[in-house]
């Protein structure tokens, strides 16, 4: 028996690889329960607010990204509108320049036409005045010729003619001089 009790004592004293006794198991279960309770408490107090904060932050970032995309789309639309307006402005400027050129050409043609009409009126007036001057000169020459003829006839009549001969001589002189002589 002694041998058995020594073996038993020796067996009890031998270090065990896992010293599993009731106290160790109770401490382990209590530690696991405490860690689980601590995890639940921390999860409720720390992790859930952190998750909510992260969720709100993700939503905020997603909202900002959506807002940035919308702003980018709006900017692209505005850019397209401004480019369209710019092209429209260029075409309007071309139209305005074309209209101004057309008006200038029309004004030029109008001025040239009025100048031609004025020149034609001046030429016509000059021709009328030249014809009048020509007629006046012809009339003056005719009157002078008649005066000379009368002086010659008067001298001749004084010398030897009677009234009948005198009238015949004047008619003959006028017939000889005639209208065609004065017009040329």
Protein backbone atom coordinates (compact mmCIF):
# COMPACT_ATOMS: atom_id res chain seq x y z
CA UNK A 1 0.00 0.00 0.00
CA UNK A 2 2.70 2.18 0.67
CA UNK A 3 3.77 1.64 -2.82
CA UNK A 4 0.40 2.54 -4.09
CA UNK A 5 0.16 5.68 -2.12
CA UNK A 6 3.59 6.71 -3.27
CA UNK A 7 2.59 6.14 -6.84
CA UNK A 8 -0.59 8.05 -6.26
CA UNK A 9 1.26 10.87 -4.61
CA UNK A 10 3.83 10.79 -7.28
CA UNK A 11 1.07 10.81 -9.85
CA UNK A 12 -0.52 13.75 -8.14
CA UNK A 13 2.66 15.66 -7.93
CA UNK A 14 3.70 15.09 -11.42
CA UNK A 15 3.27 18.13 -13.50
CA UNK A 16 0.55 17.70 -15.99
CA UNK A 17 0.52 19.10 -19.42
CA UNK A 18 -2.95 20.61 -18.98
CA UNK A 19 -3.57 21.07 -15.38
CA UNK A 20 -7.34 20.69 -15.76
CA UNK A 21 -9.05 20.80 -12.49
CA UNK A 22 -12.36 22.17 -11.46
CA UNK A 23 -11.01 25.53 -10.40
CA UNK A 24 -9.28 26.04 -13.76
CA UNK A 25 -12.45 25.12 -15.61
CA UNK A 26 -14.56 27.47 -13.50
CA UNK A 27 -12.06 30.33 -14.01
CA UNK A 28 -11.99 29.66 -17.74
CA UNK A 29 -15.80 29.65 -18.01
CA UNK A 30 -16.01 32.86 -15.97
CA UNK A 31 -13.31 34.48 -18.11
CA UNK A 32 -15.14 33.47 -21.31
CA UNK A 33 -18.43 34.81 -19.93
CA UNK A 34 -16.71 38.06 -18.86
CA UNK A 35 -15.09 38.45 -22.29
CA UNK A 36 -18.44 37.80 -23.98
CA UNK A 37 -20.22 40.31 -21.73
CA UNK A 38 -17.38 42.79 -22.28
CA UNK A 39 -17.64 42.21 -26.03
CA UNK A 40 -21.41 42.81 -25.92
CA UNK A 41 -20.96 45.94 -23.82
CA UNK A 42 -18.19 47.26 -26.03
CA UNK A 43 -20.17 46.35 -29.11
CA UNK A 44 -23.15 48.26 -27.80
CA UNK A 45 -21.19 51.20 -26.44
CA UNK A 46 -18.29 51.50 -28.91
CA UNK A 47 -18.67 49.35 -31.98
CA UNK A 48 -22.28 50.30 -32.85
CA UNK A 49 -21.60 54.05 -32.64
CA UNK A 50 -18.42 53.53 -34.62
CA UNK A 51 -20.37 51.51 -37.21
CA UNK A 52 -23.09 54.19 -37.32
CA UNK A 53 -20.40 56.88 -37.67
CA UNK A 54 -18.73 54.93 -40.47
CA UNK A 55 -22.10 54.31 -42.14
CA UNK A 56 -22.97 58.03 -41.95
CA UNK A 57 -19.54 58.89 -43.27
CA UNK A 58 -19.95 56.44 -46.17
CA UNK A 59 -23.38 57.93 -46.94
CA UNK A 60 -21.97 61.45 -46.73
CA UNK A 61 -19.08 60.57 -49.04
CA UNK A 62 -21.48 58.82 -51.43
CA UNK A 63 -23.74 61.89 -51.33
CA UNK A 64 -20.78 64.18 -51.99
CA UNK A 65 -19.69 61.96 -54.88
CA UNK A 66 -23.22 62.03 -56.30
CA UNK A 67 -23.32 65.80 -55.81
CA UNK A 68 -19.91 66.13 -57.49
CA UNK A 69 -21.10 63.99 -60.41
CA UNK A 70 -24.26 66.09 -60.71
CA UNK A 71 -22.19 69.28 -60.55
CA UNK A 72 -19.85 67.88 -63.19
CA UNK A 73 -22.80 66.99 -65.43
CA UNK A 74 -24.25 70.46 -64.91
CA UNK A 75 -20.87 72.02 -65.70
CA UNK A 76 -20.63 69.94 -68.86
CA UNK A 77 -24.13 71.04 -69.87
CA UNK A 78 -23.26 74.68 -69.18
CA UNK A 79 -20.06 74.27 -71.16
CA UNK A 80 -22.00 72.79 -74.07
CA UNK A 81 -24.55 75.63 -73.85
CA UNK A 82 -21.78 78.24 -73.79
CA UNK A 83 -20.02 76.60 -76.71
CA UNK A 84 -23.33 76.53 -78.59
CA UNK A 85 -23.94 80.18 -77.72
CA UNK A 86 -20.38 81.00 -78.76
CA UNK A 87 -20.94 79.29 -82.10
CA UNK A 88 -24.25 81.16 -82.35
CA UNK A 89 -22.49 84.43 -81.57
CA UNK A 90 -19.92 83.73 -84.27
CA UNK A 91 -22.66 82.96 -86.79
CA UNK A 92 -24.58 86.07 -85.70
CA UNK A 93 -21.42 88.14 -86.11
CA UNK A 94 -20.98 86.68 -89.60
CA UNK A 95 -24.62 87.48 -90.38
CA UNK A 96 -24.24 91.03 -89.07
CA UNK A 97 -21.06 91.52 -91.10
CA UNK A 98 -22.74 90.09 -94.19
CA UNK A 99 -25.75 92.37 -93.69
CA UNK A 100 -23.45 95.36 -93.19
CA UNK A 101 -21.54 94.49 -96.34
CA UNK A 102 -24.80 94.12 -98.27
CA UNK A 103 -26.03 97.49 -96.97
CA UNK A 104 -22.69 99.08 -97.87
CA UNK A 105 -22.86 97.63 -101.37
CA UNK A 106 -26.47 98.81 -101.72
CA UNK A 107 -25.50 102.28 -100.47
CA UNK A 108 -22.57 102.32 -102.87
CA UNK A 109 -24.81 101.30 -105.77
CA UNK A 110 -27.37 103.93 -104.73
CA UNK A 111 -24.72 106.65 -104.51
CA UNK A 112 -23.29 105.67 -107.90
CA UNK A 113 -26.78 105.64 -109.43
CA UNK A 114 -27.59 109.07 -107.98
CA UNK A 115 -24.25 110.41 -109.26
CA UNK A 116 -25.01 109.05 -112.73
CA UNK A 117 -28.48 110.58 -112.66
CA UNK A 118 -27.03 113.93 -111.52
CA UNK A 119 -24.37 113.75 -114.25
CA UNK A 120 -27.06 112.98 -116.82
CA UNK A 121 -29.12 115.97 -115.61
CA UNK A 122 -26.07 118.24 -115.75
CA UNK A 123 -25.22 117.04 -119.25
CA UNK A 124 -28.84 117.49 -120.38
CA UNK A 125 -28.94 120.99 -118.86
CA UNK A 126 -25.60 121.83 -120.52
CA UNK A 127 -26.94 120.62 -123.87
CA UNK A 128 -30.09 122.70 -123.46
CA UNK A 129 -28.00 125.71 -122.48
CA UNK A 130 -25.64 125.10 -125.43
CA UNK A 131 -28.64 124.83 -127.78
CA UNK A 132 -30.05 128.06 -126.36
CA UNK A 133 -26.70 129.81 -126.70
CA UNK A 134 -26.37 128.50 -130.24
CA UNK A 135 -29.87 129.74 -131.07
CA UNK A 136 -29.14 133.06 -129.43
CA UNK A 137 -25.89 133.43 -131.37
CA UNK A 138 -27.70 132.51 -134.61
CA UNK A 139 -30.40 135.06 -133.85
CA UNK A 140 -27.79 137.73 -133.14
CA UNK A 141 -25.93 136.93 -136.37
CA UNK A 142 -29.20 136.97 -138.27
CA UNK A 143 -30.11 140.34 -136.80
CA UNK A 144 -26.65 141.69 -137.61
CA UNK A 145 -26.85 140.36 -141.15
CA UNK A 146 -30.28 141.90 -141.59
CA UNK A 147 -28.94 145.16 -140.24
CA UNK A 148 -26.01 145.03 -142.66
CA UNK A 149 -28.29 144.14 -145.50
CA UNK A 150 -30.57 146.97 -144.58
CA UNK A 151 -27.68 149.40 -144.45
CA UNK A 152 -26.47 148.21 -147.83
CA UNK A 153 -29.93 148.37 -149.26
CA UNK A 154 -30.51 151.78 -147.82
CA UNK A 155 -27.33 153.06 -149.40
CA UNK A 156 -28.26 151.49 -152.69
CA UNK A 157 -31.82 152.74 -152.54
CA UNK A 158 -30.72 156.22 -151.77
CA UNK A 159 -28.67 156.24 -154.81
CA UNK A 160 -31.05 154.91 -157.43
CA UNK A 161 -33.99 152.88 -156.39
CA UNK A 162 -37.59 153.32 -155.89
CA UNK A 163 -39.76 151.65 -153.24
CA UNK A 164 -40.78 148.65 -155.31
CA UNK A 165 -37.29 147.76 -156.27
CA UNK A 166 -36.17 148.27 -152.72
CA UNK A 167 -38.72 145.74 -151.32
CA UNK A 168 -37.86 143.22 -154.00
CA UNK A 169 -34.19 143.53 -153.15
CA UNK A 170 -34.81 142.95 -149.42
CA UNK A 171 -36.95 139.87 -150.11
CA UNK A 172 -34.35 138.48 -152.44
CA UNK A 173 -31.58 139.05 -149.91
CA UNK A 174 -33.56 137.33 -147.18
CA UNK A 175 -34.34 134.42 -149.48
CA UNK A 176 -30.66 134.04 -150.31
CA UNK A 177 -29.53 134.18 -146.70
CA UNK A 178 -32.39 131.89 -145.55
CA UNK A 179 -32.76 129.80 -142.42
CA UNK A 180 -30.29 127.06 -143.38
CA UNK A 181 -27.40 129.50 -143.60
CA UNK A 182 -27.90 130.60 -139.99
CA UNK A 183 -28.29 127.13 -138.53
CA UNK A 184 -25.00 125.76 -139.77
